Amino acid sequence: LFFKKKQTSASTARDRLQIIIAQERVQAQVPDYLPTLQRELLDVLS
């Protein structure tokens, strides 16, 4: 409680990198054809 270890900049950077990697994995799972599909559907329905 009184003598807390300070978090090093390396561990802070590692934590931040893990968060970035997790976010990129989620974004990579979204298919890239969805915007094209939506645009083509709009063209046909129009």
All heavy atoms as atom14 arrays in JSON, in Angstrom:
{
  "sequence": "LFFKKKQTSASTARDRLQIIIAQERVQAQVPDYLPTLQRELLDVLS",
  "atom14_mask": [
    [1, 1, 1, 1, 1, 1, 1, 1, 0, 0, 0, 0, 0, 0],
    [1, 1, 1, 1, 1, 1, 1, 1, 1, 1, 1, 0, 0, 0],
    [1, 1, 1, 1, 1, 1, 1, 1, 1, 1, 1, 0, 0, 0],
    [1, 1, 1, 1, 1, 1, 1, 1, 1, 0, 0, 0, 0, 0],
    [1, 1, 1, 1, 1, 1, 1, 1, 1, 0, 0, 0, 0, 0],
    [1, 1, 1, 1, 1, 1, 1, 1, 1, 0, 0, 0, 0, 0],
    [1, 1, 1, 1, 1, 1, 1, 1, 1, 0, 0, 0, 0, 0],
    [1, 1, 1, 1, 1, 1, 1, 0, 0, 0, 0, 0, 0, 0],
    [1, 1, 1, 1, 1, 1, 0, 0, 0, 0, 0, 0, 0, 0],
    [1, 1, 1, 1, 1, 0, 0, 0, 0, 0, 0, 0, 0, 0],
    [1, 1, 1, 1, 1, 1, 0, 0, 0, 0, 0, 0, 0, 0],
    [1, 1, 1, 1, 1, 1, 1, 0, 0, 0, 0, 0, 0, 0],
    [1, 1, 1, 1, 1, 0, 0, 0, 0, 0, 0, 0, 0, 0],
    [1, 1, 1, 1, 1, 1, 1, 1, 1, 1, 1, 0, 0, 0],
    [1, 1, 1, 1, 1, 1, 1, 1, 0, 0, 0, 0, 0, 0],
    [1, 1, 1, 1, 1, 1, 1, 1, 1, 1, 1, 0, 0, 0],
    [1, 1, 1, 1, 1, 1, 1, 1, 0, 0, 0, 0, 0, 0],
    [1, 1, 1, 1, 1, 1, 1, 1, 1, 0, 0, 0, 0, 0],
    [1, 1, 1, 1, 1, 1, 1, 1, 0, 0, 0, 0, 0, 0],
    [1, 1, 1, 1, 1, 1, 1, 1, 0, 0, 0, 0, 0, 0],
    [1, 1, 1, 1, 1, 1, 1, 1, 0, 0, 0, 0, 0, 0],
    [1, 1, 1, 1, 1, 0, 0, 0, 0, 0, 0, 0, 0, 0],
    [1, 1, 1, 1, 1, 1, 1, 1, 1, 0, 0, 0, 0, 0],
    [1, 1, 1, 1, 1, 1, 1, 1, 1, 0, 0, 0, 0, 0],
    [1, 1, 1, 1, 1, 1, 1, 1, 1, 1, 1, 0, 0, 0],
    [1, 1, 1, 1, 1, 1, 1, 0, 0, 0, 0, 0, 0, 0],
    [1, 1, 1, 1, 1, 1, 1, 1, 1, 0, 0, 0, 0, 0],
    [1, 1, 1, 1, 1, 0, 0, 0, 0, 0, 0, 0, 0, 0],
    [1, 1, 1, 1, 1, 1, 1, 1, 1, 0, 0, 0, 0, 0],
    [1, 1, 1, 1, 1, 1, 1, 0, 0, 0, 0, 0, 0, 0],
    [1, 1, 1, 1, 1, 1, 1, 0, 0, 0, 0, 0, 0, 0],
    [1, 1, 1, 1, 1, 1, 1, 1, 0, 0, 0, 0, 0, 0],
    [1, 1, 1, 1, 1, 1, 1, 1, 1, 1, 1, 1, 0, 0],
    [1, 1, 1, 1, 1, 1, 1, 1, 0, 0, 0, 0, 0, 0],
    [1, 1, 1, 1, 1, 1, 1, 0, 0, 0, 0, 0, 0, 0],
    [1, 1, 1, 1, 1, 1, 1, 0, 0, 0, 0, 0, 0, 0],
    [1, 1, 1, 1, 1, 1, 1, 1, 0, 0, 0, 0, 0, 0],
    [1, 1, 1, 1, 1, 1, 1, 1, 1, 0, 0, 0, 0, 0],
    [1, 1, 1, 1, 1, 1, 1, 1, 1, 1, 1, 0, 0, 0],
    [1, 1, 1, 1, 1, 1, 1, 1, 1, 0, 0, 0, 0, 0],
    [1, 1, 1, 1, 1, 1, 1, 1, 0, 0, 0, 0, 0, 0],
    [1, 1, 1, 1, 1, 1, 1, 1, 0, 0, 0, 0, 0, 0],
    [1, 1, 1, 1, 1, 1, 1, 1, 0, 0, 0, 0, 0, 0],
    [1, 1, 1, 1, 1, 1, 1, 0, 0, 0, 0, 0, 0, 0],
    [1, 1, 1, 1, 1, 1, 1, 1, 0, 0, 0, 0, 0, 0],
    [1, 1, 1, 1, 1, 1, 0, 0, 0, 0, 0, 0, 0, 0]
  ],
  "atom14_positions": [
    [[0.82, -1.2, 0.0], [0.0, 0.0, 0.0], [0.86, 1.26, 0.0], [0.57, 2.22, -0.7], [-0.92, 0.0, 1.22], [-1.94, 1.13, 1.32], [-2.91, 1.08, 0.15], [-2.69, 1.03, 2.62], [0.0, 0.0, 0.0], [0.0, 0.0, 0.0], [0.0, 0.0, 0.0], [0.0, 0.0, 0.0], [0.0, 0.0, 0.0], [0.0, 0.0, 0.0]],
    [[1.97, 1.24, 0.78], [2.82, 2.41, 0.89], [3.97, 2.42, -0.11], [4.45, 3.47, -0.51], [3.39, 2.53, 2.31], [2.34, 2.84, 3.32], [1.94, 1.91, 4.26], [1.73, 4.09, 3.33], [0.98, 2.2, 5.19], [0.76, 4.4, 4.26], [0.38, 3.45, 5.19], [0.0, 0.0, 0.0], [0.0, 0.0, 0.0], [0.0, 0.0, 0.0]],
    [[4.42, 1.26, -0.53], [5.57, 1.17, -1.42], [5.15, 0.5, -2.74], [5.61, -0.58, -3.07], [6.71, 0.39, -0.77], [7.17, 0.99, 0.52], [6.86, 0.39, 1.73], [7.91, 2.16, 0.52], [7.27, 0.94, 2.93], [8.33, 2.71, 1.72], [8.01, 2.11, 2.93], [0.0, 0.0, 0.0], [0.0, 0.0, 0.0], [0.0, 0.0, 0.0]],
    [[4.28, 1.16, -3.45], [3.81, 0.61, -4.72], [4.93, 0.67, -5.74], [5.68, 1.63, -5.8], [2.61, 1.4, -5.25], [1.37, 1.21, -4.44], [0.23, 1.98, -5.07], [-1.02, 1.83, -4.23], [-2.13, 2.61, -4.77], [0.0, 0.0, 0.0], [0.0, 0.0, 0.0], [0.0, 0.0, 0.0], [0.0, 0.0, 0.0], [0.0, 0.0, 0.0]],
    [[4.98, -0.38, -6.56], [5.95, -0.37, -7.65], [5.42, 0.52, -8.76], [4.24, 0.45, -9.11], [6.15, -1.77, -8.21], [6.9, -2.69, -7.29], [7.13, -4.02, -7.97], [7.9, -4.95, -7.09], [8.13, -6.24, -7.73], [0.0, 0.0, 0.0], [0.0, 0.0, 0.0], [0.0, 0.0, 0.0], [0.0, 0.0, 0.0], [0.0, 0.0, 0.0]],
    [[6.28, 1.36, -9.27], [5.88, 2.19, -10.39], [5.85, 1.34, -11.65], [6.71, 0.49, -11.85], [6.85, 3.35, -10.58], [6.63, 4.5, -9.66], [7.42, 5.68, -10.12], [6.97, 6.92, -9.4], [7.66, 8.1, -9.9], [0.0, 0.0, 0.0], [0.0, 0.0, 0.0], [0.0, 0.0, 0.0], [0.0, 0.0, 0.0], [0.0, 0.0, 0.0]],
    [[4.86, 1.57, -12.46], [4.77, 0.85, -13.72], [5.79, 1.46, -14.68], [5.84, 2.67, -14.86], [3.36, 0.95, -14.29], [3.11, 0.01, -15.41], [1.64, 0.0, -15.81], [0.89, 0.86, -15.42], [1.27, -0.98, -16.58], [0.0, 0.0, 0.0], [0.0, 0.0, 0.0], [0.0, 0.0, 0.0], [0.0, 0.0, 0.0], [0.0, 0.0, 0.0]],
    [[6.59, 0.61, -15.28], [7.63, 1.1, -16.18], [7.01, 1.51, -17.5], [5.9, 1.1, -17.85], [8.69, 0.01, -16.43], [8.05, -1.09, -17.08], [9.32, -0.43, -15.12], [0.0, 0.0, 0.0], [0.0, 0.0, 0.0], [0.0, 0.0, 0.0], [0.0, 0.0, 0.0], [0.0, 0.0, 0.0], [0.0, 0.0, 0.0], [0.0, 0.0, 0.0]],
    [[7.75, 2.3, -18.24], [7.23, 2.74, -19.54], [7.12, 1.56, -20.5], [6.26, 1.55, -21.37], [8.12, 3.85, -20.13], [9.43, 3.36, -20.35], [0.0, 0.0, 0.0], [0.0, 0.0, 0.0], [0.0, 0.0, 0.0], [0.0, 0.0, 0.0], [0.0, 0.0, 0.0], [0.0, 0.0, 0.0], [0.0, 0.0, 0.0], [0.0, 0.0, 0.0]],
    [[7.97, 0.56, -20.34], [7.89, -0.62, -21.21], [6.6, -1.39, -20.97], [5.94, -1.82, -21.92], [9.09, -1.52, -20.97], [0.0, 0.0, 0.0], [0.0, 0.0, 0.0], [0.0, 0.0, 0.0], [0.0, 0.0, 0.0], [0.0, 0.0, 0.0], [0.0, 0.0, 0.0], [0.0, 0.0, 0.0], [0.0, 0.0, 0.0], [0.0, 0.0, 0.0]],
    [[6.21, -1.55, -19.72], [4.96, -2.27, -19.45], [3.75, -1.45, -19.88], [2.76, -2.01, -20.35], [4.88, -2.66, -17.98], [4.84, -1.51, -17.17], [0.0, 0.0, 0.0], [0.0, 0.0, 0.0], [0.0, 0.0, 0.0], [0.0, 0.0, 0.0], [0.0, 0.0, 0.0], [0.0, 0.0, 0.0], [0.0, 0.0, 0.0], [0.0, 0.0, 0.0]],
    [[3.83, -0.14, -19.75], [2.75, 0.72, -20.23], [2.62, 0.62, -21.74], [1.52, 0.49, -22.28], [2.99, 2.19, -19.83], [3.11, 2.26, -18.41], [1.86, 3.09, -20.29], [0.0, 0.0, 0.0], [0.0, 0.0, 0.0], [0.0, 0.0, 0.0], [0.0, 0.0, 0.0], [0.0, 0.0, 0.0], [0.0, 0.0, 0.0], [0.0, 0.0, 0.0]],
    [[3.74, 0.64, -22.43], [3.73, 0.52, -23.89], [3.19, -0.84, -24.32], [2.44, -0.94, -25.29], [5.13, 0.73, -24.44], [0.0, 0.0, 0.0], [0.0, 0.0, 0.0], [0.0, 0.0, 0.0], [0.0, 0.0, 0.0], [0.0, 0.0, 0.0], [0.0, 0.0, 0.0], [0.0, 0.0, 0.0], [0.0, 0.0, 0.0], [0.0, 0.0, 0.0]],
    [[3.56, -1.9, -23.59], [3.07, -3.24, -23.91], [1.56, -3.3, -23.74], [0.85, -3.85, -24.59], [3.74, -4.27, -22.99], [3.32, -5.71, -23.34], [3.74, -6.71, -22.3], [2.92, -6.48, -21.12], [3.38, -6.37, -19.88], [4.66, -6.49, -19.64], [2.57, -6.16, -18.87], [0.0, 0.0, 0.0], [0.0, 0.0, 0.0], [0.0, 0.0, 0.0]],
    [[1.03, -2.72, -22.67], [-0.41, -2.71, -22.44], [-1.14, -1.96, -23.54], [-2.17, -2.4, -24.04], [-0.73, -2.09, -21.08], [-0.24, -2.94, -19.92], [0.06, -4.14, -20.13], [-0.14, -2.39, -18.8], [0.0, 0.0, 0.0], [0.0, 0.0, 0.0], [0.0, 0.0, 0.0], [0.0, 0.0, 0.0], [0.0, 0.0, 0.0], [0.0, 0.0, 0.0]],
    [[-0.59, -0.84, -23.93], [-1.22, -0.05, -25.0], [-1.18, -0.8, -26.33], [-2.14, -0.77, -27.09], [-0.53, 1.3, -25.13], [-0.82, 2.22, -23.96], [-0.1, 3.53, -24.11], [-0.37, 4.39, -22.95], [0.27, 5.5, -22.69], [1.23, 5.91, -23.5], [-0.03, 6.21, -21.64], [0.0, 0.0, 0.0], [0.0, 0.0, 0.0], [0.0, 0.0, 0.0]],
    [[-0.08, -1.47, -26.61], [0.05, -2.24, -27.84], [-0.94, -3.39, -27.87], [-1.54, -3.68, -28.92], [1.48, -2.76, -27.98], [1.8, -3.52, -29.26], [1.55, -2.66, -30.48], [3.24, -4.0, -29.25], [0.0, 0.0, 0.0], [0.0, 0.0, 0.0], [0.0, 0.0, 0.0], [0.0, 0.0, 0.0], [0.0, 0.0, 0.0], [0.0, 0.0, 0.0]],
    [[-1.16, -4.04, -26.74], [-2.14, -5.12, -26.68], [-3.55, -4.6, -26.98], [-4.34, -5.27, -27.66], [-2.11, -5.8, -25.31], [-0.89, -6.66, -25.11], [-0.82, -7.24, -23.7], [-1.47, -6.75, -22.78], [-0.02, -8.28, -23.54], [0.0, 0.0, 0.0], [0.0, 0.0, 0.0], [0.0, 0.0, 0.0], [0.0, 0.0, 0.0], [0.0, 0.0, 0.0]],
    [[-3.87, -3.42, -26.51], [-5.18, -2.83, -26.78], [-5.33, -2.51, -28.27], [-6.35, -2.81, -28.89], [-5.39, -1.56, -25.94], [-5.51, -1.93, -24.46], [-6.62, -0.78, -26.4], [-5.48, -0.76, -23.52], [0.0, 0.0, 0.0], [0.0, 0.0, 0.0], [0.0, 0.0, 0.0], [0.0, 0.0, 0.0], [0.0, 0.0, 0.0], [0.0, 0.0, 0.0]],
    [[-4.28, -1.96, -28.87], [-4.31, -1.64, -30.3], [-4.46, -2.9, -31.14], [-5.26, -2.95, -32.08], [-3.04, -0.85, -30.69], [-3.08, 0.54, -30.07], [-2.91, -0.76, -32.21], [-1.79, 1.31, -30.19], [0.0, 0.0, 0.0], [0.0, 0.0, 0.0], [0.0, 0.0, 0.0], [0.0, 0.0, 0.0], [0.0, 0.0, 0.0], [0.0, 0.0, 0.0]],
    [[-3.73, -3.95, -30.79], [-3.81, -5.21, -31.54], [-5.2, -5.81, -31.42], [-5.76, -6.3, -32.4], [-2.72, -6.19, -31.06], [-1.35, -5.69, -31.49], [-2.97, -7.59, -31.59], [-0.19, -6.45, -30.89], [0.0, 0.0, 0.0], [0.0, 0.0, 0.0], [0.0, 0.0, 0.0], [0.0, 0.0, 0.0], [0.0, 0.0, 0.0], [0.0, 0.0, 0.0]],
    [[-5.79, -5.76, -30.25], [-7.14, -6.29, -30.06], [-8.15, -5.52, -30.91], [-9.05, -6.12, -31.51], [-7.52, -6.23, -28.59], [0.0, 0.0, 0.0], [0.0, 0.0, 0.0], [0.0, 0.0, 0.0], [0.0, 0.0, 0.0], [0.0, 0.0, 0.0], [0.0, 0.0, 0.0], [0.0, 0.0, 0.0], [0.0, 0.0, 0.0], [0.0, 0.0, 0.0]],
    [[-8.02, -4.21, -30.99], [-8.93, -3.4, -31.79], [-8.77, -3.71, -33.27], [-9.75, -3.78, -34.01], [-8.69, -1.91, -31.55], [-9.17, -1.44, -30.2], [-8.83, 0.01, -29.94], [-7.95, 0.59, -30.58], [-9.5, 0.61, -28.98], [0.0, 0.0, 0.0], [0.0, 0.0, 0.0], [0.0, 0.0, 0.0], [0.0, 0.0, 0.0], [0.0, 0.0, 0.0]],
    [[-7.54, -3.91, -33.73], [-7.3, -4.23, -35.14], [-7.85, -5.6, -35.49], [-8.34, -5.81, -36.6], [-5.82, -4.14, -35.46], [-5.31, -2.71, -35.52], [-3.84, -2.62, -35.87], [-3.2, -3.67, -36.06], [-3.34, -1.49, -35.94], [0.0, 0.0, 0.0], [0.0, 0.0, 0.0], [0.0, 0.0, 0.0], [0.0, 0.0, 0.0], [0.0, 0.0, 0.0]],
    [[-7.79, -6.54, -34.58], [-8.35, -7.86, -34.84], [-9.86, -7.79, -35.02], [-10.43, -8.46, -35.87], [-8.01, -8.82, -33.71], [-6.6, -9.3, -33.73], [-6.32, -10.27, -32.63], [-4.93, -10.66, -32.63], [-4.32, -11.21, -31.61], [-4.98, -11.43, -30.49], [-3.04, -11.54, -31.69], [0.0, 0.0, 0.0], [0.0, 0.0, 0.0], [0.0, 0.0, 0.0]],
    [[-10.51, -6.97, -34.22], [-11.96, -6.82, -34.34], [-12.3, -6.17, -35.68], [-13.22, -6.6, -36.37], [-12.52, -5.98, -33.16], [-13.96, -5.58, -33.41], [-12.39, -6.76, -31.88], [0.0, 0.0, 0.0], [0.0, 0.0, 0.0], [0.0, 0.0, 0.0], [0.0, 0.0, 0.0], [0.0, 0.0, 0.0], [0.0, 0.0, 0.0], [0.0, 0.0, 0.0]],
    [[-11.56, -5.15, -36.07], [-11.83, -4.47, -37.33], [-11.5, -5.36, -38.52], [-12.15, -5.26, -39.56], [-11.02, -3.18, -37.42], [-11.51, -2.12, -36.46], [-10.63, -0.88, -36.47], [-9.59, -0.84, -37.12], [-11.04, 0.13, -35.73], [0.0, 0.0, 0.0], [0.0, 0.0, 0.0], [0.0, 0.0, 0.0], [0.0, 0.0, 0.0], [0.0, 0.0, 0.0]],
    [[-10.53, -6.25, -38.39], [-10.15, -7.13, -39.49], [-11.21, -8.19, -39.75], [-11.26, -8.76, -40.83], [-8.81, -7.79, -39.18], [0.0, 0.0, 0.0], [0.0, 0.0, 0.0], [0.0, 0.0, 0.0], [0.0, 0.0, 0.0], [0.0, 0.0, 0.0], [0.0, 0.0, 0.0], [0.0, 0.0, 0.0], [0.0, 0.0, 0.0], [0.0, 0.0, 0.0]],
    [[-12.08, -8.45, -38.8], [-13.1, -9.47, -38.96], [-14.3, -8.97, -39.77], [-15.11, -9.76, -40.21], [-13.58, -9.97, -37.6], [-12.51, -10.73, -36.86], [-12.96, -11.14, -35.47], [-14.04, -10.79, -35.03], [-12.13, -11.88, -34.78], [0.0, 0.0, 0.0], [0.0, 0.0, 0.0], [0.0, 0.0, 0.0], [0.0, 0.0, 0.0], [0.0, 0.0, 0.0]],
    [[-14.41, -7.67, -39.98], [-15.51, -7.13, -40.76], [-15.16, -7.28, -42.24], [-14.11, -6.83, -42.68], [-15.75, -5.64, -40.42], [-16.8, -5.03, -41.31], [-16.12, -5.49, -38.96], [0.0, 0.0, 0.0], [0.0, 0.0, 0.0], [0.0, 0.0, 0.0], [0.0, 0.0, 0.0], [0.0, 0.0, 0.0], [0.0, 0.0, 0.0], [0.0, 0.0, 0.0]],
    [[-16.01, -7.92, -43.01], [-15.71, -8.11, -44.43], [-15.61, -6.77, -45.16], [-16.37, -5.85, -44.89], [-16.9, -8.91, -44.95], [-17.56, -9.48, -43.76], [-17.24, -8.57, -42.62], [0.0, 0.0, 0.0], [0.0, 0.0, 0.0], [0.0, 0.0, 0.0], [0.0, 0.0, 0.0], [0.0, 0.0, 0.0], [0.0, 0.0, 0.0], [0.0, 0.0, 0.0]],
    [[-14.68, -6.68, -46.09], [-14.47, -5.43, -46.81], [-15.46, -5.24, -47.96], [-15.51, -4.18, -48.56], [-13.04, -5.35, -47.32], [-12.69, -6.49, -48.26], [-13.45, -7.47, -48.33], [-11.64, -6.4, -48.93], [0.0, 0.0, 0.0], [0.0, 0.0, 0.0], [0.0, 0.0, 0.0], [0.0, 0.0, 0.0], [0.0, 0.0, 0.0], [0.0, 0.0, 0.0]],
    [[-16.27, -6.23, -48.27], [-17.2, -6.12, -49.38], [-18.53, -5.48, -48.98], [-19.36, -5.18, -49.84], [-17.49, -7.48, -50.0], [-18.09, -8.49, -49.05], [-19.44, -8.5, -48.77], [-17.29, -9.44, -48.42], [-19.99, -9.42, -47.9], [-17.83, -10.37, -47.55], [-19.18, -10.35, -47.3], [-19.71, -11.26, -46.43], [0.0, 0.0, 0.0], [0.0, 0.0, 0.0]],
    [[-18.76, -5.24, -47.71], [-20.04, -4.7, -47.27], [-20.35, -3.31, -47.84], [-21.47, -3.07, -48.3], [-20.15, -4.7, -45.76], [-20.28, -6.07, -45.11], [-20.42, -5.95, -43.61], [-21.42, -6.87, -45.69], [0.0, 0.0, 0.0], [0.0, 0.0, 0.0], [0.0, 0.0, 0.0], [0.0, 0.0, 0.0], [0.0, 0.0, 0.0], [0.0, 0.0, 0.0]],
    [[-19.41, -2.36, -47.85], [-19.73, -1.06, -48.46], [-20.05, -1.17, -49.96], [-20.96, -0.51, -50.46], [-18.47, -0.22, -48.23], [-17.79, -0.87, -47.08], [-18.11, -2.33, -47.18], [0.0, 0.0, 0.0], [0.0, 0.0, 0.0], [0.0, 0.0, 0.0], [0.0, 0.0, 0.0], [0.0, 0.0, 0.0], [0.0, 0.0, 0.0], [0.0, 0.0, 0.0]],
    [[-19.33, -2.04, -50.66], [-19.59, -2.25, -52.08], [-20.96, -2.88, -52.28], [-21.73, -2.47, -53.17], [-18.51, -3.14, -52.71], [-17.23, -2.57, -52.46], [-18.72, -3.3, -54.19], [0.0, 0.0, 0.0], [0.0, 0.0, 0.0], [0.0, 0.0, 0.0], [0.0, 0.0, 0.0], [0.0, 0.0, 0.0], [0.0, 0.0, 0.0], [0.0, 0.0, 0.0]],
    [[-21.3, -3.85, -51.46], [-22.6, -4.49, -51.53], [-23.72, -3.48, -51.3], [-24.72, -3.46, -52.03], [-22.68, -5.63, -50.51], [-24.0, -6.38, -50.41], [-24.3, -7.11, -51.71], [-23.94, -7.37, -49.26], [0.0, 0.0, 0.0], [0.0, 0.0, 0.0], [0.0, 0.0, 0.0], [0.0, 0.0, 0.0], [0.0, 0.0, 0.0], [0.0, 0.0, 0.0]],
    [[-23.55, -2.62, -50.33], [-24.57, -1.62, -50.03], [-24.73, -0.65, -51.21], [-25.86, -0.32, -51.6], [-24.21, -0.86, -48.77], [-25.28, 0.12, -48.33], [-25.0, 0.72, -46.97], [-23.95, 0.5, -46.39], [-25.94, 1.48, -46.47], [0.0, 0.0, 0.0], [0.0, 0.0, 0.0], [0.0, 0.0, 0.0], [0.0, 0.0, 0.0], [0.0, 0.0, 0.0]],
    [[-23.64, -0.23, -51.8], [-23.7, 0.7, -52.93], [-24.38, 0.05, -54.14], [-25.22, 0.66, -54.81], [-22.28, 1.17, -53.29], [-22.23, 2.26, -54.32], [-20.83, 2.83, -54.53], [-19.85, 1.8, -54.82], [-18.88, 1.39, -53.96], [-18.8, 1.93, -52.76], [-18.03, 0.45, -54.3], [0.0, 0.0, 0.0], [0.0, 0.0, 0.0], [0.0, 0.0, 0.0]],
    [[-24.05, -1.22, -54.41], [-24.65, -1.92, -55.54], [-26.14, -2.16, -55.32], [-26.94, -2.05, -56.25], [-23.92, -3.23, -55.8], [-22.53, -3.02, -56.37], [-21.77, -4.32, -56.57], [-22.28, -5.4, -56.2], [-20.64, -4.25, -57.08], [0.0, 0.0, 0.0], [0.0, 0.0, 0.0], [0.0, 0.0, 0.0], [0.0, 0.0, 0.0], [0.0, 0.0, 0.0]],
    [[-26.52, -2.49, -54.09], [-27.94, -2.65, -53.79], [-28.7, -1.34, -54.0], [-29.81, -1.32, -54.54], [-28.14, -3.14, -52.36], [-27.88, -4.61, -52.1], [-27.85, -4.89, -50.62], [-28.93, -5.45, -52.78], [0.0, 0.0, 0.0], [0.0, 0.0, 0.0], [0.0, 0.0, 0.0], [0.0, 0.0, 0.0], [0.0, 0.0, 0.0], [0.0, 0.0, 0.0]],
    [[-28.1, -0.25, -53.59], [-28.72, 1.05, -53.77], [-28.9, 1.36, -55.25], [-29.94, 1.85, -55.66], [-27.88, 2.14, -53.09], [-28.4, 3.56, -53.18], [-29.73, 3.68, -52.45], [-27.4, 4.52, -52.59], [0.0, 0.0, 0.0], [0.0, 0.0, 0.0], [0.0, 0.0, 0.0], [0.0, 0.0, 0.0], [0.0, 0.0, 0.0], [0.0, 0.0, 0.0]],
    [[-27.89, 1.04, -56.06], [-27.98, 1.29, -57.5], [-29.13, 0.49, -58.13], [-29.9, 1.02, -58.93], [-26.66, 0.93, -58.2], [-25.54, 1.88, -57.83], [-25.82, 2.98, -57.32], [-24.37, 1.51, -58.04], [0.0, 0.0, 0.0], [0.0, 0.0, 0.0], [0.0, 0.0, 0.0], [0.0, 0.0, 0.0], [0.0, 0.0, 0.0], [0.0, 0.0, 0.0]],
    [[-29.23, -0.78, -57.76], [-30.28, -1.63, -58.34], [-31.67, -1.18, -57.86], [-32.6, -1.05, -58.66], [-30.04, -3.11, -57.98], [-31.23, -3.97, -58.37], [-28.77, -3.61, -58.65], [0.0, 0.0, 0.0], [0.0, 0.0, 0.0], [0.0, 0.0, 0.0], [0.0, 0.0, 0.0], [0.0, 0.0, 0.0], [0.0, 0.0, 0.0], [0.0, 0.0, 0.0]],
    [[-31.82, -0.94, -56.58], [-33.13, -0.55, -56.06], [-33.55, 0.83, -56.56], [-34.74, 1.09, -56.72], [-33.1, -0.57, -54.53], [-33.02, -1.96, -53.91], [-32.77, -1.86, -52.41], [-34.28, -2.75, -54.19], [0.0, 0.0, 0.0], [0.0, 0.0, 0.0], [0.0, 0.0, 0.0], [0.0, 0.0, 0.0], [0.0, 0.0, 0.0], [0.0, 0.0, 0.0]],
    [[-32.58, 1.7, -56.83], [-32.9, 3.04, -57.31], [-33.55, 3.01, -58.69], [-34.23, 3.96, -59.08], [-31.64, 3.9, -57.37], [-31.15, 4.12, -56.08], [0.0, 0.0, 0.0], [0.0, 0.0, 0.0], [0.0, 0.0, 0.0], [0.0, 0.0, 0.0], [0.0, 0.0, 0.0], [0.0, 0.0, 0.0], [0.0, 0.0, 0.0], [0.0, 0.0, 0.0]]
  ]
}
